[in-house]
Amino acid sequence: VADRPASGSGANYLLVGTDSREELTDEQRGDFGTGYTEGSRADTVMLLHVPDGGDPTLVSLPRDSFVHIRDHGQNKLNAAHSQGGPELLVDTVEQNTGLRVDGYLEIGFGGFVGVVDKVGGVNMCLDEPIQDDKAHLDLPAGCQDLTGPEALGYVRMRYSDPRGDIGRVERQREFLSALVSKMASPGTVLNPVRFHQVGTATGRSLAMGE
């Protein structure tokens, strides 16, 4: 579109986790607790700002934020993806934040589980035990390696969290940081077999766009 925000210093990337179930078998849908909803919505939306110098910043955009969507009126942010795909979601983020999006990465449920499993799980420390039937979670308190299905439930659950979506987006940023650290660890980078497996799984799971 012609009225995109101007470029600023550094670069902004939109990181999106969709609730697409198309690549999942019926057994996986049951094991992962994803249900059988058709279509694809932006379940998780994050904006990563990489400055020209200094540390990057990761900001969660709550999916239920009520925003203006071009040619569709007012609706929740995650509706933009289902109404017009990545292009409309990017446009909606740009028009409502005034920030130009320079890159786009998207992953679905199955890809997320696959990446986590390929790195051998991700260690998270829980202050309290978590029990969430909808997310198929039953985790004790303390530090533990989450498997792919457990990690998916952990970053998606909100009904058993008294802070709802706000608590969820905090867990998502924390988990993403731990996942990236695990992927960049010597145990992954210096092991040719694991490095190849993780890189292949990640590349197959991500959809990229300008």
C-alpha atoms as a PDB file:
ATOM      1  CA  VAL A   1       0.000   0.000   0.000  1.00  0.00           C
ATOM      2  CA  ALA A   2       1.094   3.557  -0.598  1.00  0.00           C
ATOM      3  CA  ASP A   3       0.625   4.944   2.900  1.00  0.00           C
ATOM      4  CA  ARG A   4       3.107   2.760   4.787  1.00  0.00           C
ATOM      5  CA  PRO A   5       5.037   4.357   7.664  1.00  0.00           C
ATOM      6  CA  ALA A   6       8.493   5.645   6.809  1.00  0.00           C
ATOM      7  CA  SER A   7      11.537   3.545   7.670  1.00  0.00           C
ATOM      8  CA  GLY A   8      13.247   4.390  10.946  1.00  0.00           C
ATOM      9  CA  SER A   9      16.639   3.485  12.360  1.00  0.00           C
ATOM     10  CA  GLY A  10      17.258  -0.228  12.757  1.00  0.00           C
ATOM     11  CA  ALA A  11      14.791  -2.862  11.551  1.00  0.00           C
ATOM     12  CA  ASN A  12      11.439  -4.241  12.737  1.00  0.00           C
ATOM     13  CA  TYR A  13      10.360  -7.857  12.286  1.00  0.00           C
ATOM     14  CA  LEU A  14       6.902  -9.267  12.905  1.00  0.00           C
ATOM     15  CA  LEU A  15       7.011 -12.703  14.578  1.00  0.00           C
ATOM     16  CA  VAL A  16       3.723 -14.593  14.305  1.00  0.00           C
ATOM     17  CA  GLY A  17       2.543 -17.889  15.742  1.00  0.00           C
ATOM     18  CA  THR A  18      -0.676 -19.019  14.065  1.00  0.00           C
ATOM     19  CA  ASP A  19      -3.266 -21.490  15.287  1.00  0.00           C
ATOM     20  CA  SER A  20      -3.173 -23.343  11.969  1.00  0.00           C
ATOM     21  CA  ARG A  21      -3.900 -27.048  12.442  1.00  0.00           C
ATOM     22  CA  GLU A  22      -3.674 -28.012   8.773  1.00  0.00           C
ATOM     23  CA  GLU A  23      -0.373 -29.902   9.155  1.00  0.00           C
ATOM     24  CA  LEU A  24      -1.552 -31.877  12.214  1.00  0.00           C
ATOM     25  CA  THR A  25      -2.983 -35.384  12.184  1.00  0.00           C
ATOM     26  CA  ASP A  26      -6.119 -36.186  14.189  1.00  0.00           C
ATOM     27  CA  GLU A  27      -3.919 -37.923  16.758  1.00  0.00           C
ATOM     28  CA  GLN A  28      -1.670 -34.874  17.090  1.00  0.00           C
ATOM     29  CA  ARG A  29      -4.662 -32.557  17.498  1.00  0.00           C
ATOM     30  CA  GLY A  30      -5.768 -34.680  20.422  1.00  0.00           C
ATOM     31  CA  ASP A  31      -2.293 -35.022  21.953  1.00  0.00           C
ATOM     32  CA  PHE A  32      -1.528 -31.308  21.645  1.00  0.00           C
ATOM     33  CA  GLY A  33      -4.963 -30.198  22.853  1.00  0.00           C
ATOM     34  CA  THR A  34      -5.433 -27.912  19.848  1.00  0.00           C
ATOM     35  CA  GLY A  35      -8.988 -28.896  18.913  1.00  0.00           C
ATOM     36  CA  TYR A  36     -10.293 -28.930  15.342  1.00  0.00           C
ATOM     37  CA  THR A  37     -10.883 -25.274  14.446  1.00  0.00           C
ATOM     38  CA  GLU A  38     -10.440 -24.633  10.730  1.00  0.00           C
ATOM     39  CA  GLY A  39      -8.580 -21.737   9.159  1.00  0.00           C
ATOM     40  CA  SER A  40      -5.674 -19.756  10.567  1.00  0.00           C
ATOM     41  CA  ARG A  41      -5.541 -16.876  13.049  1.00  0.00           C
ATOM     42  CA  ALA A  42      -2.609 -15.028  14.587  1.00  0.00           C
ATOM     43  CA  ASP A  43      -2.428 -16.687  17.997  1.00  0.00           C
ATOM     44  CA  THR A  44       0.788 -14.882  18.933  1.00  0.00           C
ATOM     45  CA  VAL A  45       2.047 -11.550  17.560  1.00  0.00           C
ATOM     46  CA  MET A  46       5.402 -10.063  18.547  1.00  0.00           C
ATOM     47  CA  LEU A  47       7.348  -7.126  17.165  1.00  0.00           C
ATOM     48  CA  LEU A  48      11.131  -7.485  17.257  1.00  0.00           C
ATOM     49  CA  HIS A  49      13.128  -4.269  16.925  1.00  0.00           C
ATOM     50  CA  VAL A  50      16.795  -4.698  16.033  1.00  0.00           C
ATOM     51  CA  PRO A  51      18.619  -1.364  16.456  1.00  0.00           C
ATOM     52  CA  ASP A  52      21.677  -0.317  14.494  1.00  0.00           C
ATOM     53  CA  GLY A  53      23.602  -0.730  17.747  1.00  0.00           C
ATOM     54  CA  GLY A  54      22.739  -2.150  21.156  1.00  0.00           C
ATOM     55  CA  ASP A  55      20.318  -4.813  22.300  1.00  0.00           C
ATOM     56  CA  PRO A  56      17.144  -5.796  20.421  1.00  0.00           C
ATOM     57  CA  THR A  57      13.685  -5.260  21.925  1.00  0.00           C
ATOM     58  CA  LEU A  58      10.829  -7.767  21.794  1.00  0.00           C
ATOM     59  CA  VAL A  59       7.294  -6.405  22.306  1.00  0.00           C
ATOM     60  CA  SER A  60       4.140  -8.522  22.479  1.00  0.00           C
ATOM     61  CA  LEU A  61       1.043  -7.230  20.705  1.00  0.00           C
ATOM     62  CA  PRO A  62      -1.919  -8.855  22.530  1.00  0.00           C
ATOM     63  CA  ARG A  63      -4.025 -10.684  19.974  1.00  0.00           C
ATOM     64  CA  ASP A  64      -7.284  -9.374  21.463  1.00  0.00           C
ATOM     65  CA  SER A  65      -6.254  -5.729  21.047  1.00  0.00           C
ATOM     66  CA  PHE A  66      -9.180  -3.890  19.430  1.00  0.00           C
ATOM     67  CA  VAL A  67      -7.784  -2.111  16.362  1.00  0.00           C
ATOM     68  CA  HIS A  68      -8.770  -0.671  13.001  1.00  0.00           C
ATOM     69  CA  ILE A  69      -8.272  -3.132  10.122  1.00  0.00           C
ATOM     70  CA  ARG A  70      -8.161  -1.622   6.645  1.00  0.00           C
ATOM     71  CA  ASP A  71     -11.456  -2.210   4.763  1.00  0.00           C
ATOM     72  CA  HIS A  72     -12.784  -4.305   7.656  1.00  0.00           C
ATOM     73  CA  GLY A  73     -13.506  -1.758  10.377  1.00  0.00           C
ATOM     74  CA  GLN A  74     -12.784  -2.378  14.057  1.00  0.00           C
ATOM     75  CA  ASN A  75     -11.880  -5.861  15.224  1.00  0.00           C
ATOM     76  CA  LYS A  76      -9.380  -7.843  17.271  1.00  0.00           C
ATOM     77  CA  LEU A  77      -5.812  -7.813  15.995  1.00  0.00           C
ATOM     78  CA  ASN A  78      -5.738 -11.560  15.315  1.00  0.00           C
ATOM     79  CA  ALA A  79      -8.728 -11.227  12.974  1.00  0.00           C
ATOM     80  CA  ALA A  80      -6.543  -9.408  10.436  1.00  0.00           C
ATOM     81  CA  HIS A  81      -4.642 -12.609   9.655  1.00  0.00           C
ATOM     82  CA  SER A  82      -7.791 -14.650   9.072  1.00  0.00           C
ATOM     83  CA  GLN A  83      -9.357 -11.885   6.950  1.00  0.00           C
ATOM     84  CA  GLY A  84      -6.394 -11.068   4.742  1.00  0.00           C
ATOM     85  CA  GLY A  85      -3.412 -13.238   5.635  1.00  0.00           C
ATOM     86  CA  PRO A  86       0.064 -11.965   6.545  1.00  0.00           C
ATOM     87  CA  GLU A  87      -0.245  -8.942   4.247  1.00  0.00           C
ATOM     88  CA  LEU A  88      -3.277  -7.532   6.063  1.00  0.00           C
ATOM     89  CA  LEU A  89      -1.797  -8.362   9.474  1.00  0.00           C
ATOM     90  CA  VAL A  90       1.405  -6.474   8.617  1.00  0.00           C
ATOM     91  CA  ASP A  91      -0.626  -3.537   7.302  1.00  0.00           C
ATOM     92  CA  THR A  92      -2.743  -3.518  10.479  1.00  0.00           C
ATOM     93  CA  VAL A  93       0.329  -3.499  12.719  1.00  0.00           C
ATOM     94  CA  GLU A  94       1.928  -0.720  10.668  1.00  0.00           C
ATOM     95  CA  GLN A  95      -1.185   1.473  10.641  1.00  0.00           C
ATOM     96  CA  ASN A  96      -1.823   1.080  14.367  1.00  0.00           C
ATOM     97  CA  THR A  97       1.760   1.472  15.601  1.00  0.00           C
ATOM     98  CA  GLY A  98       3.275   3.875  13.053  1.00  0.00           C
ATOM     99  CA  LEU A  99       6.227   1.476  12.694  1.00  0.00           C
ATOM    100  CA  ARG A 100       7.355   0.055   9.362  1.00  0.00           C
ATOM    101  CA  VAL A 101       7.679  -3.744   9.316  1.00  0.00           C
ATOM    102  CA  ASP A 102      10.834  -4.864   7.491  1.00  0.00           C
ATOM    103  CA  GLY A 103      10.477  -8.647   7.779  1.00  0.00           C
ATOM    104  CA  TYR A 104       8.001 -11.374   8.678  1.00  0.00           C
ATOM    105  CA  LEU A 105       8.335 -14.841  10.259  1.00  0.00           C
ATOM    106  CA  GLU A 106       5.427 -17.221  10.860  1.00  0.00           C
ATOM    107  CA  ILE A 107       5.158 -20.644  12.488  1.00  0.00           C
ATOM    108  CA  GLY A 108       2.197 -22.980  13.109  1.00  0.00           C
ATOM    109  CA  PHE A 109       1.429 -25.427  15.903  1.00  0.00           C
ATOM    110  CA  GLY A 110       3.125 -28.434  14.317  1.00  0.00           C
ATOM    111  CA  GLY A 111       6.260 -26.519  13.366  1.00  0.00           C
ATOM    112  CA  PHE A 112       6.588 -25.112  16.871  1.00  0.00           C
ATOM    113  CA  VAL A 113       6.385 -28.579  18.446  1.00  0.00           C
ATOM    114  CA  GLY A 114       8.928 -29.913  15.946  1.00  0.00           C
ATOM    115  CA  VAL A 115      11.504 -27.189  16.612  1.00  0.00           C
ATOM    116  CA  VAL A 116      11.276 -27.609  20.402  1.00  0.00           C
ATOM    117  CA  ASP A 117      11.643 -31.385  20.143  1.00  0.00           C
ATOM    118  CA  LYS A 118      14.639 -31.090  17.792  1.00  0.00           C
ATOM    119  CA  VAL A 119      16.573 -28.946  20.310  1.00  0.00           C
ATOM    120  CA  GLY A 120      15.885 -31.566  22.968  1.00  0.00           C
ATOM    121  CA  GLY A 121      13.316 -29.575  24.921  1.00  0.00           C
ATOM    122  CA  VAL A 122      13.549 -26.174  26.579  1.00  0.00           C
ATOM    123  CA  ASN A 123      14.223 -25.667  30.275  1.00  0.00           C
ATOM    124  CA  MET A 124      11.717 -23.504  32.125  1.00  0.00           C
ATOM    125  CA  CYS A 125      11.456 -22.817  35.852  1.00  0.00           C
ATOM    126  CA  LEU A 126       7.893 -22.710  37.203  1.00  0.00           C
ATOM    127  CA  ASP A 127       7.128 -20.936  40.466  1.00  0.00           C
ATOM    128  CA  GLU A 128       3.963 -22.986  40.907  1.00  0.00           C
ATOM    129  CA  PRO A 129       2.564 -26.215  39.435  1.00  0.00           C
ATOM    130  CA  ILE A 130       0.390 -25.811  36.345  1.00  0.00           C
ATOM    131  CA  GLN A 131      -2.730 -27.798  35.624  1.00  0.00           C
ATOM    132  CA  ASP A 132      -4.718 -26.819  32.565  1.00  0.00           C
ATOM    133  CA  ASP A 133      -7.077 -29.352  31.011  1.00  0.00           C
ATOM    134  CA  LYS A 134      -7.652 -27.320  27.838  1.00  0.00           C
ATOM    135  CA  ALA A 135      -3.904 -27.078  27.181  1.00  0.00           C
ATOM    136  CA  HIS A 136      -3.360 -30.708  28.293  1.00  0.00           C
ATOM    137  CA  LEU A 137      -0.844 -29.533  30.906  1.00  0.00           C
ATOM    138  CA  ASP A 138       0.063 -31.089  34.241  1.00  0.00           C
ATOM    139  CA  LEU A 139       3.453 -29.702  35.248  1.00  0.00           C
ATOM    140  CA  PRO A 140       5.068 -29.639  38.706  1.00  0.00           C
ATOM    141  CA  ALA A 141       6.724 -26.565  40.171  1.00  0.00           C
ATOM    142  CA  GLY A 142      10.458 -26.186  39.623  1.00  0.00           C
ATOM    143  CA  CYS A 143      12.893 -26.258  36.707  1.00  0.00           C
ATOM    144  CA  GLN A 144      12.256 -28.833  33.988  1.00  0.00           C
ATOM    145  CA  ASP A 145      12.717 -29.465  30.264  1.00  0.00           C
ATOM    146  CA  LEU A 146       9.463 -29.006  28.376  1.00  0.00           C
ATOM    147  CA  THR A 147       8.826 -31.273  25.395  1.00  0.00           C
ATOM    148  CA  GLY A 148       7.324 -29.898  22.200  1.00  0.00           C
ATOM    149  CA  PRO A 149       3.679 -30.633  23.141  1.00  0.00           C
ATOM    150  CA  GLU A 150       4.236 -29.352  26.695  1.00  0.00           C
ATOM    151  CA  ALA A 151       5.861 -26.176  25.391  1.00  0.00           C
ATOM    152  CA  LEU A 152       2.946 -25.555  23.013  1.00  0.00           C
ATOM    153  CA  GLY A 153       0.475 -25.868  25.894  1.00  0.00           C
ATOM    154  CA  TYR A 154       2.676 -23.660  28.095  1.00  0.00           C
ATOM    155  CA  VAL A 155       2.809 -20.740  25.650  1.00  0.00           C
ATOM    156  CA  ARG A 156      -0.877 -21.062  24.683  1.00  0.00           C
ATOM    157  CA  MET A 157      -2.635 -21.534  28.027  1.00  0.00           C
ATOM    158  CA  ARG A 158      -4.568 -18.608  29.473  1.00  0.00           C
ATOM    159  CA  TYR A 159      -7.714 -19.947  31.127  1.00  0.00           C
ATOM    160  CA  SER A 160      -5.862 -21.160  34.229  1.00  0.00           C
ATOM    161  CA  ASP A 161      -3.784 -17.965  34.380  1.00  0.00           C
ATOM    162  CA  PRO A 162      -5.474 -15.294  36.539  1.00  0.00           C
ATOM    163  CA  ARG A 163      -3.776 -12.641  34.368  1.00  0.00           C
ATOM    164  CA  GLY A 164      -5.209 -14.104  31.165  1.00  0.00           C
ATOM    165  CA  ASP A 165      -3.590 -12.994  27.921  1.00  0.00           C
ATOM    166  CA  ILE A 166      -1.184 -10.598  29.680  1.00  0.00           C
ATOM    167  CA  GLY A 167       0.327 -13.464  31.660  1.00  0.00           C
ATOM    168  CA  ARG A 168       0.456 -15.548  28.517  1.00  0.00           C
ATOM    169  CA  VAL A 169       2.413 -13.036  26.425  1.00  0.00           C
ATOM    170  CA  GLU A 170       4.962 -12.704  29.246  1.00  0.00           C
ATOM    171  CA  ARG A 171       5.463 -16.487  29.227  1.00  0.00           C
ATOM    172  CA  GLN A 172       5.794 -16.430  25.440  1.00  0.00           C
ATOM    173  CA  ARG A 173       8.618 -13.874  25.510  1.00  0.00           C
ATOM    174  CA  GLU A 174      10.351 -15.772  28.313  1.00  0.00           C
ATOM    175  CA  PHE A 175      10.041 -19.062  26.443  1.00  0.00           C
ATOM    176  CA  LEU A 176      11.232 -17.612  23.121  1.00  0.00           C
ATOM    177  CA  SER A 177      14.323 -16.225  24.864  1.00  0.00           C
ATOM    178  CA  ALA A 178      15.069 -19.645  26.387  1.00  0.00           C
ATOM    179  CA  LEU A 179      14.511 -21.393  23.043  1.00  0.00           C
ATOM    180  CA  VAL A 180      16.861 -19.070  21.162  1.00  0.00           C
ATOM    181  CA  SER A 181      19.506 -19.490  23.889  1.00  0.00           C
ATOM    182  CA  LYS A 182      19.226 -23.282  23.587  1.00  0.00           C
ATOM    183  CA  MET A 183      19.513 -23.114  19.796  1.00  0.00           C
ATOM    184  CA  ALA A 184      22.628 -20.905  20.064  1.00  0.00           C
ATOM    185  CA  SER A 185      24.281 -22.974  22.808  1.00  0.00           C
ATOM    186  CA  PRO A 186      27.590 -24.816  22.167  1.00  0.00           C
ATOM    187  CA  GLY A 187      25.726 -28.119  22.605  1.00  0.00           C
ATOM    188  CA  THR A 188      23.755 -27.297  19.455  1.00  0.00           C
ATOM    189  CA  VAL A 189      26.101 -25.132  17.388  1.00  0.00           C
ATOM    190  CA  LEU A 190      29.220 -27.279  17.876  1.00  0.00           C
ATOM    191  CA  ASN A 191      27.441 -30.602  17.284  1.00  0.00           C
ATOM    192  CA  PRO A 192      27.223 -31.010  13.481  1.00  0.00           C
ATOM    193  CA  VAL A 193      24.408 -33.577  13.615  1.00  0.00           C
ATOM    194  CA  ARG A 194      22.236 -31.629  16.044  1.00  0.00           C
ATOM    195  CA  PHE A 195      23.002 -28.322  14.302  1.00  0.00           C
ATOM    196  CA  HIS A 196      21.824 -29.806  10.991  1.00  0.00           C
ATOM    197  CA  GLN A 197      18.681 -31.308  12.572  1.00  0.00           C
ATOM    198  CA  VAL A 198      17.726 -28.082  14.348  1.00  0.00           C
ATOM    199  CA  GLY A 199      18.442 -25.935  11.296  1.00  0.00           C
ATOM    200  CA  THR A 200      16.449 -28.214   9.007  1.00  0.00           C
ATOM    201  CA  ALA A 201      13.488 -28.416  11.400  1.00  0.00           C
ATOM    202  CA  THR A 202      13.445 -24.648  11.856  1.00  0.00           C
ATOM    203  CA  GLY A 203      13.753 -23.910   8.146  1.00  0.00           C
ATOM    204  CA  ARG A 204      10.896 -26.276   7.280  1.00  0.00           C
ATOM    205  CA  SER A 205       8.673 -24.851  10.007  1.00  0.00           C
ATOM    206  CA  LEU A 206       9.003 -21.132   9.292  1.00  0.00           C
ATOM    207  CA  ALA A 207       7.282 -19.118   6.593  1.00  0.00           C
ATOM    208  CA  MET A 208       9.232 -15.987   5.716  1.00  0.00           C
ATOM    209  CA  GLY A 209       8.255 -12.868   3.839  1.00  0.00           C
ATOM    210  CA  GLU A 210       9.489  -9.341   3.168  1.00  0.00           C
END
